[in-house]
Amino acid sequence: MQLNWLYSWNVVDVASGLLGWLAVIGLLIRQSRKQERKLPIWKVLLAALAGLFSFSFKIPLLGQNVNIALLPLGLWVLYLFLRNRSWPDYRKFAWIGFAANYLFLAMALLAGFIQDSLYDRNDPSTYLAHLEKAKLVAIHPSAREATFEEKLFANTLGEVTAADMSDTLEWHYESVREDGAYYRQERFPYALLGAEARWGSGLHAVVYLEADGMGLLLATQDRYYYYRSEKPMLKWGGGQ
């Protein structure tokens, strides 16, 4: 089995998650050393995990959706099971678990800030950093014969600028009317497959190229990015 080391996973999220869990484990160890009665480590972890469960609600904050823990449901359930036995021994560990919700919230917000600082979502080269396996595919009969050349595309990619797509509906209207200027013409008849984003960004986009070869459309999970260049990004004709 061959591993694809260029697969774009979110290294910032992974790092922040690991740091968050290390902080929680550190708090549990610290509290465990303070306890007069030594408790089995698996029970301590179980109490903390129970405290982690909560009633929460999701809100948009600083450009991302985050969960805000409101009610410590897991802590209440743990209390019902242990109230007549060893609840005082495990209470603080359960509260550490509940407090971990806010620690992870803070880490997620920090990770989002670092992510945006390292990987510019408005830069097309972020999504098209690795072109070694890129392949051009015609996805509409109106597409002219064209060839993808990595060097030509990469050089032109550095010169593209963000453009307006306010005429999209007009184009679509003209493409379906028999007397329309673009009848049976597809505005983006090419797809670029196999291109990969910068390592560690966790970003993915479906890439389309305009019929004249000078327009680039990136479709991400939450929005579209449209760019134009002053010269074609493709070489016209076959012989790839």
Foldseek 3Di string as FASTA:
>chain_A
DDDDQQAAAAQLLVVLVVVLVVVLVVVLVVVQVVDPDHDDPVVLVVLLQLLLDADWDWDDDPRDIATDGDGRPSLVVVCVVDVVHPCVVRNVSSVSSNVSSVVSVVSVNVSVVVLCVVAPPQQVCQFQVDCPFKDKDFQAPQAAAWAADPVLLVVQSVAKDFDDDPCVVVLVVLCPDPPRPNPRHDQFRMWIPDGGGGHNSNWHWTWTAGRQQFKIWTHGPPDITIIGTPHHSIGGDDDD
